[in-house]
Amino acid sequence: MTGNPNYRKETDLSMRAFKRSIDALAPVLDDADIHASFEPHPGDFLENHKSAVDMIRDIGHPRVGYLFCMPHSFVMGTETAPEMIAYAGESITHTHIADTHRPCRIIAPPEVGAHEHLLPGWGEVDFPAILDALRKVAYDGFVSAPLFSHADKDPQVALNAAIEMKRYASEMLGISLT
């Protein structure tokens, strides 16, 4: 749900443009037999979890879903991550697994909700509660690990983060990676 951050003052304008884009994209999704998942993001025209879920529901296309991003859970609203998941329910079609610290512990510009994308265990995300909430809504969609905070000029750092994430996902979360 990225848009021109200057349009945050005109969220309705961005939402209408987004819906028009989905109207154009929907036949392509149908023809290709694929799904598209969208997430609100700090600094974008939609930053609030409920607003994003409500917009996805309003669109009502079976191939358009909500992406729940674990490291955004501290900055997407006032609800806890499990409450966000319960609210989104079957609208969730993709999940990002990554950790972060609470925003008060991160130095970031005030106009962007501070968050990171760390390996699980490096931050403060409550993974057991989130995974339990995903089980309660019978989530069985896509999972990916955007570990942006492990970027480095040395490609080995990113590779090591990916290897550790794969180990965590399979051993700790019981996710089968193929």
N, C-alpha and C. Protein backbone atom coordinates (compact mmCIF):
# COMPACT_ATOMS: atom_id res chain seq x y z
N MET A 1 0.83 -1.18 0.00
CA MET A 1 0.00 0.00 0.00
C MET A 1 0.87 1.24 0.00
N THR A 2 1.97 1.08 -0.69
CA THR A 2 2.89 2.19 -0.83
C THR A 2 2.29 3.22 -1.76
N GLY A 3 2.47 4.42 -1.41
CA GLY A 3 2.05 5.53 -2.25
C GLY A 3 2.97 6.69 -1.96
N ASN A 4 2.71 7.78 -2.54
CA ASN A 4 3.48 8.97 -2.27
C ASN A 4 3.18 9.39 -0.83
N PRO A 5 4.19 9.40 0.05
CA PRO A 5 3.93 9.75 1.44
C PRO A 5 3.32 11.14 1.60
N ASN A 6 3.52 12.00 0.61
CA ASN A 6 2.90 13.32 0.66
C ASN A 6 1.38 13.21 0.61
N TYR A 7 0.88 12.08 0.11
CA TYR A 7 -0.56 11.90 -0.01
C TYR A 7 -1.19 11.36 1.27
N ARG A 8 -0.38 11.15 2.32
CA ARG A 8 -0.96 10.68 3.58
C ARG A 8 -2.03 11.64 4.07
N LYS A 9 -1.88 12.91 3.69
CA LYS A 9 -2.90 13.89 4.06
C LYS A 9 -4.16 13.71 3.22
N GLU A 10 -4.02 12.98 2.11
CA GLU A 10 -5.14 12.75 1.20
C GLU A 10 -5.34 11.24 1.02
N THR A 11 -5.53 10.55 2.11
CA THR A 11 -5.66 9.09 2.08
C THR A 11 -6.77 8.65 1.15
N ASP A 12 -7.89 9.35 1.13
CA ASP A 12 -9.00 8.96 0.26
C ASP A 12 -8.58 8.96 -1.20
N LEU A 13 -7.79 9.94 -1.61
CA LEU A 13 -7.29 10.00 -2.99
C LEU A 13 -6.45 8.77 -3.30
N SER A 14 -5.53 8.42 -2.40
CA SER A 14 -4.67 7.25 -2.60
C SER A 14 -5.49 5.96 -2.60
N MET A 15 -6.48 5.88 -1.71
CA MET A 15 -7.31 4.67 -1.66
C MET A 15 -8.09 4.50 -2.96
N ARG A 16 -8.62 5.57 -3.49
CA ARG A 16 -9.36 5.47 -4.77
C ARG A 16 -8.42 5.05 -5.89
N ALA A 17 -7.23 5.60 -5.92
CA ALA A 17 -6.24 5.22 -6.94
C ALA A 17 -5.85 3.76 -6.79
N PHE A 18 -5.66 3.30 -5.55
CA PHE A 18 -5.32 1.91 -5.30
C PHE A 18 -6.43 0.99 -5.80
N LYS A 19 -7.67 1.33 -5.50
CA LYS A 19 -8.81 0.51 -5.95
C LYS A 19 -8.90 0.48 -7.47
N ARG A 20 -8.64 1.59 -8.13
CA ARG A 20 -8.64 1.59 -9.60
C ARG A 20 -7.54 0.67 -10.14
N SER A 21 -6.40 0.69 -9.48
CA SER A 21 -5.30 -0.19 -9.89
C SER A 21 -5.69 -1.65 -9.73
N ILE A 22 -6.36 -1.97 -8.63
CA ILE A 22 -6.81 -3.35 -8.41
C ILE A 22 -7.84 -3.74 -9.46
N ASP A 23 -8.74 -2.83 -9.82
CA ASP A 23 -9.72 -3.12 -10.88
C ASP A 23 -9.00 -3.51 -12.17
N ALA A 24 -7.90 -2.84 -12.49
CA ALA A 24 -7.14 -3.16 -13.70
C ALA A 24 -6.34 -4.45 -13.52
N LEU A 25 -5.87 -4.71 -12.30
CA LEU A 25 -5.05 -5.89 -12.03
C LEU A 25 -5.87 -7.17 -11.90
N ALA A 26 -7.09 -7.08 -11.43
CA ALA A 26 -7.90 -8.26 -11.13
C ALA A 26 -8.03 -9.23 -12.29
N PRO A 27 -8.32 -8.78 -13.52
CA PRO A 27 -8.41 -9.75 -14.62
C PRO A 27 -7.08 -10.45 -14.90
N VAL A 28 -5.98 -9.75 -14.70
CA VAL A 28 -4.66 -10.36 -14.89
C VAL A 28 -4.44 -11.45 -13.85
N LEU A 29 -4.81 -11.17 -12.61
CA LEU A 29 -4.68 -12.17 -11.55
C LEU A 29 -5.52 -13.40 -11.87
N ASP A 30 -6.75 -13.17 -12.32
CA ASP A 30 -7.64 -14.28 -12.69
C ASP A 30 -7.05 -15.10 -13.83
N ASP A 31 -6.61 -14.42 -14.89
CA ASP A 31 -6.07 -15.12 -16.06
C ASP A 31 -4.82 -15.93 -15.71
N ALA A 32 -3.99 -15.38 -14.83
CA ALA A 32 -2.74 -16.05 -14.47
C ALA A 32 -2.91 -17.03 -13.31
N ASP A 33 -4.10 -17.07 -12.72
CA ASP A 33 -4.39 -17.94 -11.58
C ASP A 33 -3.40 -17.69 -10.43
N ILE A 34 -3.20 -16.40 -10.11
CA ILE A 34 -2.31 -16.03 -9.00
C ILE A 34 -3.03 -15.06 -8.06
N HIS A 35 -2.43 -14.88 -6.89
CA HIS A 35 -2.98 -13.97 -5.88
C HIS A 35 -2.00 -12.82 -5.65
N ALA A 36 -2.50 -11.72 -5.17
CA ALA A 36 -1.67 -10.58 -4.78
C ALA A 36 -2.03 -10.22 -3.34
N SER A 37 -1.00 -9.99 -2.54
CA SER A 37 -1.20 -9.63 -1.13
C SER A 37 -0.60 -8.24 -0.90
N PHE A 38 -1.31 -7.42 -0.13
CA PHE A 38 -0.89 -6.05 0.10
C PHE A 38 -0.79 -5.78 1.59
N GLU A 39 0.19 -4.95 1.95
CA GLU A 39 0.40 -4.61 3.36
C GLU A 39 0.46 -3.11 3.55
N PRO A 40 -0.06 -2.65 4.69
CA PRO A 40 0.19 -1.26 5.05
C PRO A 40 1.65 -1.16 5.51
N HIS A 41 2.21 0.02 5.38
CA HIS A 41 3.62 0.15 5.75
C HIS A 41 3.86 1.51 6.39
N PRO A 42 4.68 1.56 7.42
CA PRO A 42 5.00 2.86 8.02
C PRO A 42 5.51 3.83 6.97
N GLY A 43 4.92 5.01 6.95
CA GLY A 43 5.32 6.04 6.01
C GLY A 43 4.51 6.07 4.73
N ASP A 44 3.62 5.12 4.54
CA ASP A 44 2.84 5.07 3.31
C ASP A 44 1.43 5.61 3.53
N PHE A 45 0.63 5.61 2.48
CA PHE A 45 -0.69 6.23 2.59
C PHE A 45 -1.61 5.50 3.54
N LEU A 46 -1.41 4.21 3.73
CA LEU A 46 -2.14 3.46 4.75
C LEU A 46 -1.11 2.86 5.70
N GLU A 47 -1.19 3.27 6.94
CA GLU A 47 -0.26 2.77 7.95
C GLU A 47 -0.97 1.95 9.01
N ASN A 48 -2.28 1.95 9.00
CA ASN A 48 -3.04 1.31 10.05
C ASN A 48 -3.57 -0.04 9.59
N HIS A 49 -3.38 -1.03 10.44
CA HIS A 49 -3.79 -2.40 10.15
C HIS A 49 -5.28 -2.50 9.79
N LYS A 50 -6.14 -1.98 10.64
CA LYS A 50 -7.58 -2.13 10.41
C LYS A 50 -8.02 -1.44 9.12
N SER A 51 -7.49 -0.26 8.85
CA SER A 51 -7.84 0.44 7.61
C SER A 51 -7.46 -0.38 6.39
N ALA A 52 -6.30 -1.00 6.44
CA ALA A 52 -5.84 -1.82 5.31
C ALA A 52 -6.72 -3.05 5.14
N VAL A 53 -7.01 -3.73 6.23
CA VAL A 53 -7.88 -4.92 6.15
C VAL A 53 -9.25 -4.52 5.63
N ASP A 54 -9.79 -3.42 6.14
CA ASP A 54 -11.10 -2.97 5.69
C ASP A 54 -11.10 -2.65 4.20
N MET A 55 -10.03 -2.04 3.71
CA MET A 55 -9.96 -1.73 2.28
C MET A 55 -9.88 -3.01 1.45
N ILE A 56 -9.09 -3.98 1.89
CA ILE A 56 -9.01 -5.27 1.17
C ILE A 56 -10.38 -5.93 1.15
N ARG A 57 -11.08 -5.91 2.26
CA ARG A 57 -12.42 -6.50 2.31
C ARG A 57 -13.39 -5.74 1.40
N ASP A 58 -13.26 -4.42 1.38
CA ASP A 58 -14.12 -3.60 0.53
C ASP A 58 -13.89 -3.92 -0.95
N ILE A 59 -12.65 -4.17 -1.32
CA ILE A 59 -12.33 -4.55 -2.70
C ILE A 59 -13.04 -5.85 -3.04
N GLY A 60 -13.00 -6.80 -2.12
CA GLY A 60 -13.77 -8.02 -2.24
C GLY A 60 -13.40 -8.96 -3.37
N HIS A 61 -12.19 -8.85 -3.87
CA HIS A 61 -11.76 -9.77 -4.94
C HIS A 61 -11.10 -10.99 -4.32
N PRO A 62 -11.49 -12.20 -4.73
CA PRO A 62 -10.95 -13.40 -4.08
C PRO A 62 -9.45 -13.61 -4.27
N ARG A 63 -8.84 -12.91 -5.20
CA ARG A 63 -7.40 -13.06 -5.42
C ARG A 63 -6.59 -11.91 -4.82
N VAL A 64 -7.24 -11.05 -4.07
CA VAL A 64 -6.56 -9.93 -3.43
C VAL A 64 -6.67 -10.09 -1.92
N GLY A 65 -5.51 -10.16 -1.25
CA GLY A 65 -5.52 -10.39 0.18
C GLY A 65 -4.61 -9.45 0.94
N TYR A 66 -4.57 -9.67 2.23
CA TYR A 66 -3.81 -8.85 3.18
C TYR A 66 -2.52 -9.55 3.56
N LEU A 67 -1.42 -8.80 3.59
CA LEU A 67 -0.14 -9.32 4.04
C LEU A 67 0.08 -8.84 5.48
N PHE A 68 0.14 -9.79 6.41
CA PHE A 68 0.43 -9.46 7.80
C PHE A 68 1.93 -9.52 8.01
N CYS A 69 2.52 -8.41 8.41
CA CYS A 69 3.98 -8.32 8.59
C CYS A 69 4.29 -8.25 10.08
N MET A 70 4.88 -9.32 10.61
CA MET A 70 5.17 -9.38 12.05
C MET A 70 6.00 -8.21 12.55
N PRO A 71 7.05 -7.78 11.83
CA PRO A 71 7.83 -6.66 12.37
C PRO A 71 7.11 -5.32 12.31
N HIS A 72 5.95 -5.27 11.70
CA HIS A 72 5.15 -4.04 11.71
C HIS A 72 4.13 -4.04 12.85
N SER A 73 4.06 -5.12 13.59
CA SER A 73 2.98 -5.26 14.57
C SER A 73 3.00 -4.21 15.67
N PHE A 74 4.15 -3.59 15.94
CA PHE A 74 4.20 -2.56 16.97
C PHE A 74 3.78 -1.18 16.44
N VAL A 75 3.70 -1.03 15.12
CA VAL A 75 3.47 0.30 14.54
C VAL A 75 2.23 0.37 13.64
N MET A 76 1.40 -0.65 13.62
CA MET A 76 0.26 -0.69 12.71
C MET A 76 -1.07 -0.40 13.38
N GLY A 77 -1.06 -0.03 14.63
CA GLY A 77 -2.30 0.26 15.33
C GLY A 77 -2.11 0.07 16.82
N THR A 78 -3.18 0.13 17.55
CA THR A 78 -3.09 0.00 19.00
C THR A 78 -3.33 -1.43 19.49
N GLU A 79 -3.75 -2.30 18.60
CA GLU A 79 -4.03 -3.69 18.97
C GLU A 79 -2.73 -4.48 19.09
N THR A 80 -2.81 -5.59 19.81
CA THR A 80 -1.68 -6.52 19.83
C THR A 80 -1.66 -7.28 18.51
N ALA A 81 -0.55 -7.92 18.21
CA ALA A 81 -0.45 -8.70 16.98
C ALA A 81 -1.54 -9.79 16.92
N PRO A 82 -1.79 -10.55 18.01
CA PRO A 82 -2.86 -11.55 17.94
C PRO A 82 -4.24 -10.91 17.67
N GLU A 83 -4.49 -9.73 18.23
CA GLU A 83 -5.76 -9.05 17.95
C GLU A 83 -5.84 -8.64 16.48
N MET A 84 -4.71 -8.18 15.93
CA MET A 84 -4.69 -7.82 14.51
C MET A 84 -5.00 -9.03 13.64
N ILE A 85 -4.40 -10.15 13.97
CA ILE A 85 -4.62 -11.38 13.20
C ILE A 85 -6.07 -11.83 13.31
N ALA A 86 -6.62 -11.79 14.51
CA ALA A 86 -8.03 -12.17 14.68
C ALA A 86 -8.93 -11.27 13.85
N TYR A 87 -8.65 -9.98 13.81
CA TYR A 87 -9.45 -9.04 13.04
C TYR A 87 -9.34 -9.34 11.54
N ALA A 88 -8.12 -9.58 11.07
CA ALA A 88 -7.91 -9.82 9.64
C ALA A 88 -8.44 -11.18 9.21
N GLY A 89 -8.28 -12.19 10.06
CA GLY A 89 -8.81 -13.53 9.77
C GLY A 89 -8.42 -14.05 8.40
N GLU A 90 -9.43 -14.48 7.67
CA GLU A 90 -9.16 -15.11 6.37
C GLU A 90 -8.74 -14.11 5.30
N SER A 91 -8.70 -12.83 5.62
CA SER A 91 -8.16 -11.84 4.68
C SER A 91 -6.66 -11.98 4.52
N ILE A 92 -5.99 -12.60 5.52
CA ILE A 92 -4.53 -12.77 5.46
C ILE A 92 -4.20 -13.84 4.43
N THR A 93 -3.38 -13.46 3.46
CA THR A 93 -2.96 -14.40 2.42
C THR A 93 -1.44 -14.53 2.34
N HIS A 94 -0.73 -13.77 3.13
CA HIS A 94 0.73 -13.82 3.14
C HIS A 94 1.18 -13.28 4.50
N THR A 95 2.25 -13.83 5.03
CA THR A 95 2.80 -13.39 6.31
C THR A 95 4.30 -13.23 6.21
N HIS A 96 4.79 -12.11 6.74
CA HIS A 96 6.24 -11.90 6.86
C HIS A 96 6.66 -12.29 8.27
N ILE A 97 7.69 -13.12 8.35
CA ILE A 97 8.26 -13.49 9.64
C ILE A 97 9.57 -12.73 9.80
N ALA A 98 9.63 -11.91 10.80
CA ALA A 98 10.86 -11.21 11.18
C ALA A 98 10.62 -10.59 12.55
N ASP A 99 11.67 -10.21 13.19
CA ASP A 99 11.59 -9.65 14.53
C ASP A 99 11.87 -8.15 14.47
N THR A 100 11.57 -7.46 15.53
CA THR A 100 11.87 -6.05 15.67
C THR A 100 11.83 -5.69 17.15
N HIS A 101 12.33 -4.51 17.44
CA HIS A 101 12.21 -3.96 18.79
C HIS A 101 11.02 -3.04 18.83
N ARG A 102 10.56 -2.75 20.02
CA ARG A 102 9.49 -1.75 20.17
C ARG A 102 10.03 -0.42 19.66
N PRO A 103 9.17 0.40 19.04
CA PRO A 103 9.62 1.65 18.43
C PRO A 103 10.41 2.57 19.35
N CYS A 104 10.10 2.56 20.63
CA CYS A 104 10.80 3.46 21.56
C CYS A 104 12.28 3.11 21.69
N ARG A 105 12.66 1.94 21.22
CA ARG A 105 14.06 1.50 21.31
C ARG A 105 14.82 1.66 20.01
N ILE A 106 14.18 2.25 18.99
CA ILE A 106 14.80 2.38 17.67
C ILE A 106 14.92 3.85 17.32
N ILE A 107 16.06 4.23 16.79
CA ILE A 107 16.25 5.60 16.33
C ILE A 107 15.80 5.67 14.88
N ALA A 108 14.80 6.50 14.61
CA ALA A 108 14.25 6.62 13.25
C ALA A 108 13.62 8.00 13.11
N PRO A 109 13.44 8.45 11.87
CA PRO A 109 12.77 9.74 11.69
C PRO A 109 11.34 9.68 12.21
N PRO A 110 10.84 10.75 12.79
CA PRO A 110 9.51 10.72 13.41
C PRO A 110 8.37 10.46 12.43
N GLU A 111 8.58 10.72 11.15
CA GLU A 111 7.49 10.54 10.20
C GLU A 111 7.29 9.08 9.79
N VAL A 112 8.16 8.19 10.22
CA VAL A 112 8.05 6.77 9.86
C VAL A 112 8.00 5.96 11.14
N GLY A 113 7.02 5.06 11.24
CA GLY A 113 6.93 4.17 12.40
C GLY A 113 8.16 3.29 12.47
N ALA A 114 8.96 3.47 13.49
CA ALA A 114 10.23 2.77 13.60
C ALA A 114 10.03 1.26 13.73
N HIS A 115 10.71 0.53 12.89
CA HIS A 115 10.70 -0.92 12.96
C HIS A 115 11.93 -1.45 12.24
N GLU A 116 12.22 -2.72 12.49
CA GLU A 116 13.35 -3.38 11.86
C GLU A 116 12.84 -4.70 11.28
N HIS A 117 13.70 -5.40 10.60
CA HIS A 117 13.38 -6.73 10.07
C HIS A 117 14.55 -7.63 10.46
N LEU A 118 14.49 -8.15 11.67
CA LEU A 118 15.58 -8.93 12.26
C LEU A 118 15.26 -10.41 12.29
N LEU A 119 16.29 -11.19 12.52
CA LEU A 119 16.08 -12.62 12.76
C LEU A 119 15.24 -12.80 14.01
N PRO A 120 14.34 -13.78 14.03
CA PRO A 120 13.57 -14.07 15.24
C PRO A 120 14.50 -14.29 16.43
N GLY A 121 14.11 -13.71 17.55
CA GLY A 121 14.91 -13.81 18.76
C GLY A 121 15.81 -12.62 18.99
N TRP A 122 15.98 -11.78 17.99
CA TRP A 122 16.84 -10.60 18.12
C TRP A 122 16.05 -9.39 18.62
N GLY A 123 14.74 -9.47 18.62
CA GLY A 123 13.90 -8.34 19.00
C GLY A 123 12.88 -8.74 20.06
N GLU A 124 11.69 -8.14 19.96
CA GLU A 124 10.68 -8.30 21.01
C GLU A 124 9.33 -8.80 20.50
N VAL A 125 9.27 -9.29 19.27
CA VAL A 125 8.01 -9.82 18.75
C VAL A 125 7.67 -11.11 19.49
N ASP A 126 6.42 -11.25 19.88
CA ASP A 126 5.95 -12.42 20.62
C ASP A 126 5.53 -13.51 19.62
N PHE A 127 6.51 -14.26 19.12
CA PHE A 127 6.24 -15.27 18.10
C PHE A 127 5.26 -16.35 18.54
N PRO A 128 5.37 -16.91 19.76
CA PRO A 128 4.39 -17.93 20.15
C PRO A 128 2.95 -17.41 20.09
N ALA A 129 2.71 -16.19 20.57
CA ALA A 129 1.35 -15.63 20.54
C ALA A 129 0.88 -15.39 19.10
N ILE A 130 1.77 -14.93 18.25
CA ILE A 130 1.40 -14.69 16.85
C ILE A 130 1.10 -16.00 16.14
N LEU A 131 1.95 -16.99 16.33
CA LEU A 131 1.72 -18.28 15.68
C LEU A 131 0.44 -18.93 16.17
N ASP A 132 0.15 -18.79 17.47
CA ASP A 132 -1.10 -19.30 18.01
C ASP A 132 -2.29 -18.60 17.35
N ALA A 133 -2.21 -17.28 17.20
CA ALA A 133 -3.29 -16.52 16.57
C ALA A 133 -3.47 -16.94 15.11
N LEU A 134 -2.36 -17.18 14.40
CA LEU A 134 -2.46 -17.63 13.01
C LEU A 134 -3.12 -19.01 12.93
N ARG A 135 -2.79 -19.88 13.88
CA ARG A 135 -3.45 -21.20 13.92
C ARG A 135 -4.95 -21.05 14.18
N LYS A 136 -5.31 -20.14 15.07
CA LYS A 136 -6.73 -19.95 15.40
C LYS A 136 -7.55 -19.48 14.20
N VAL A 137 -6.95 -18.73 13.29
CA VAL A 137 -7.68 -18.30 12.09
C VAL A 137 -7.44 -19.26 10.93
N ALA A 138 -6.80 -20.41 11.22
CA ALA A 138 -6.54 -21.46 10.23
C ALA A 138 -5.71 -20.95 9.05
N TYR A 139 -4.72 -20.10 9.35
CA TYR A 139 -3.87 -19.57 8.30
C TYR A 139 -3.02 -20.67 7.69
N ASP A 140 -3.02 -20.76 6.37
CA ASP A 140 -2.18 -21.73 5.68
C ASP A 140 -1.61 -21.14 4.39
N GLY A 141 -1.41 -19.84 4.39
CA GLY A 141 -0.93 -19.15 3.19
C GLY A 141 0.59 -19.05 3.15
N PHE A 142 1.05 -18.13 2.33
CA PHE A 142 2.47 -17.93 2.10
C PHE A 142 3.14 -17.32 3.33
N VAL A 143 4.43 -17.67 3.49
CA VAL A 143 5.27 -17.11 4.54
C VAL A 143 6.60 -16.74 3.89
N SER A 144 7.07 -15.54 4.19
CA SER A 144 8.40 -15.15 3.72
C SER A 144 9.11 -14.40 4.83
N ALA A 145 10.43 -14.27 4.69
CA ALA A 145 11.25 -13.66 5.74
C ALA A 145 12.03 -12.49 5.17
N PRO A 146 11.50 -11.28 5.28
CA PRO A 146 12.22 -10.10 4.77
C PRO A 146 13.20 -9.57 5.82
N LEU A 147 14.42 -10.01 5.76
CA LEU A 147 15.41 -9.67 6.78
C LEU A 147 16.25 -8.47 6.33
N PHE A 148 15.60 -7.35 6.05
CA PHE A 148 16.28 -6.17 5.54
C PHE A 148 17.34 -5.64 6.50
N SER A 149 17.15 -5.79 7.77
CA SER A 149 18.07 -5.22 8.74
C SER A 149 19.38 -5.99 8.83
N HIS A 150 19.50 -7.06 8.06
CA HIS A 150 20.74 -7.83 8.04
C HIS A 150 21.54 -7.57 6.77
N ALA A 151 21.14 -6.54 6.03
CA ALA A 151 21.88 -6.20 4.80
C ALA A 151 23.27 -5.70 5.18
N ASP A 152 24.21 -5.99 4.34
CA ASP A 152 25.58 -5.57 4.59
C ASP A 152 26.31 -5.58 3.26
N LYS A 153 27.42 -4.89 3.19
CA LYS A 153 28.22 -4.91 1.95
C LYS A 153 28.80 -6.30 1.71
N ASP A 154 28.97 -7.05 2.77
CA ASP A 154 29.48 -8.41 2.66
C ASP A 154 28.30 -9.35 2.41
N PRO A 155 28.21 -9.95 1.21
CA PRO A 155 27.06 -10.83 0.92
C PRO A 155 26.95 -12.01 1.87
N GLN A 156 28.03 -12.38 2.53
CA GLN A 156 27.99 -13.50 3.46
C GLN A 156 27.08 -13.19 4.66
N VAL A 157 26.98 -11.93 5.07
CA VAL A 157 26.11 -11.54 6.19
C VAL A 157 24.66 -11.85 5.83
N ALA A 158 24.22 -11.45 4.64
CA ALA A 158 22.85 -11.72 4.20
C ALA A 158 22.62 -13.22 4.04
N LEU A 159 23.59 -13.92 3.50
CA LEU A 159 23.47 -15.38 3.33
C LEU A 159 23.35 -16.06 4.69
N ASN A 160 24.17 -15.66 5.65
CA ASN A 160 24.09 -16.26 6.99
C ASN A 160 22.73 -15.99 7.62
N ALA A 161 22.18 -14.79 7.43
CA ALA A 161 20.85 -14.48 7.97
C ALA A 161 19.80 -15.37 7.33
N ALA A 162 19.90 -15.59 6.03
CA ALA A 162 18.93 -16.45 5.33
C ALA A 162 19.03 -17.89 5.82
N ILE A 163 20.23 -18.37 6.02
CA ILE A 163 20.42 -19.75 6.52
C ILE A 163 19.85 -19.88 7.93
N GLU A 164 20.10 -18.88 8.77
CA GLU A 164 19.57 -18.91 10.15
C GLU A 164 18.04 -18.84 10.14
N MET A 165 17.48 -18.03 9.25
CA MET A 165 16.02 -17.93 9.17
C MET A 165 15.41 -19.25 8.72
N LYS A 166 16.03 -19.90 7.76
CA LYS A 166 15.53 -21.21 7.30
C LYS A 166 15.56 -22.21 8.45
N ARG A 167 16.65 -22.21 9.21
CA ARG A 167 16.75 -23.13 10.36
C ARG A 167 15.66 -22.81 11.38
N TYR A 168 15.46 -21.55 11.68
CA TYR A 168 14.44 -21.15 12.65
C TYR A 168 13.05 -21.56 12.16
N ALA A 169 12.77 -21.29 10.91
CA ALA A 169 11.44 -21.60 10.37
C ALA A 169 11.17 -23.10 10.42
N SER A 170 12.15 -23.92 10.09
CA SER A 170 11.89 -25.36 10.07
C SER A 170 11.95 -25.98 11.46
N GLU A 171 12.95 -25.61 12.27
CA GLU A 171 13.11 -26.24 13.58
C GLU A 171 12.20 -25.66 14.66
N MET A 172 12.07 -24.35 14.69
CA MET A 172 11.33 -23.71 15.78
C MET A 172 9.86 -23.51 15.44
N LEU A 173 9.56 -23.24 14.18
CA LEU A 173 8.19 -22.97 13.80
C LEU A 173 7.49 -24.16 13.15
N GLY A 174 8.28 -25.15 12.76
CA GLY A 174 7.70 -26.33 12.12
C GLY A 174 7.20 -26.07 10.71
N ILE A 175 7.76 -25.05 10.07
CA ILE A 175 7.36 -24.73 8.69
C ILE A 175 8.21 -25.54 7.73
N SER A 176 7.56 -26.21 6.82
CA SER A 176 8.25 -26.99 5.81
C SER A 176 8.62 -26.06 4.67
N LEU A 177 9.89 -25.97 4.38
CA LEU A 177 10.37 -25.08 3.32
C LEU A 177 10.72 -25.91 2.09
N THR A 178 10.09 -25.56 0.98
CA THR A 178 10.38 -26.27 -0.25
C THR A 178 10.82 -25.32 -1.32
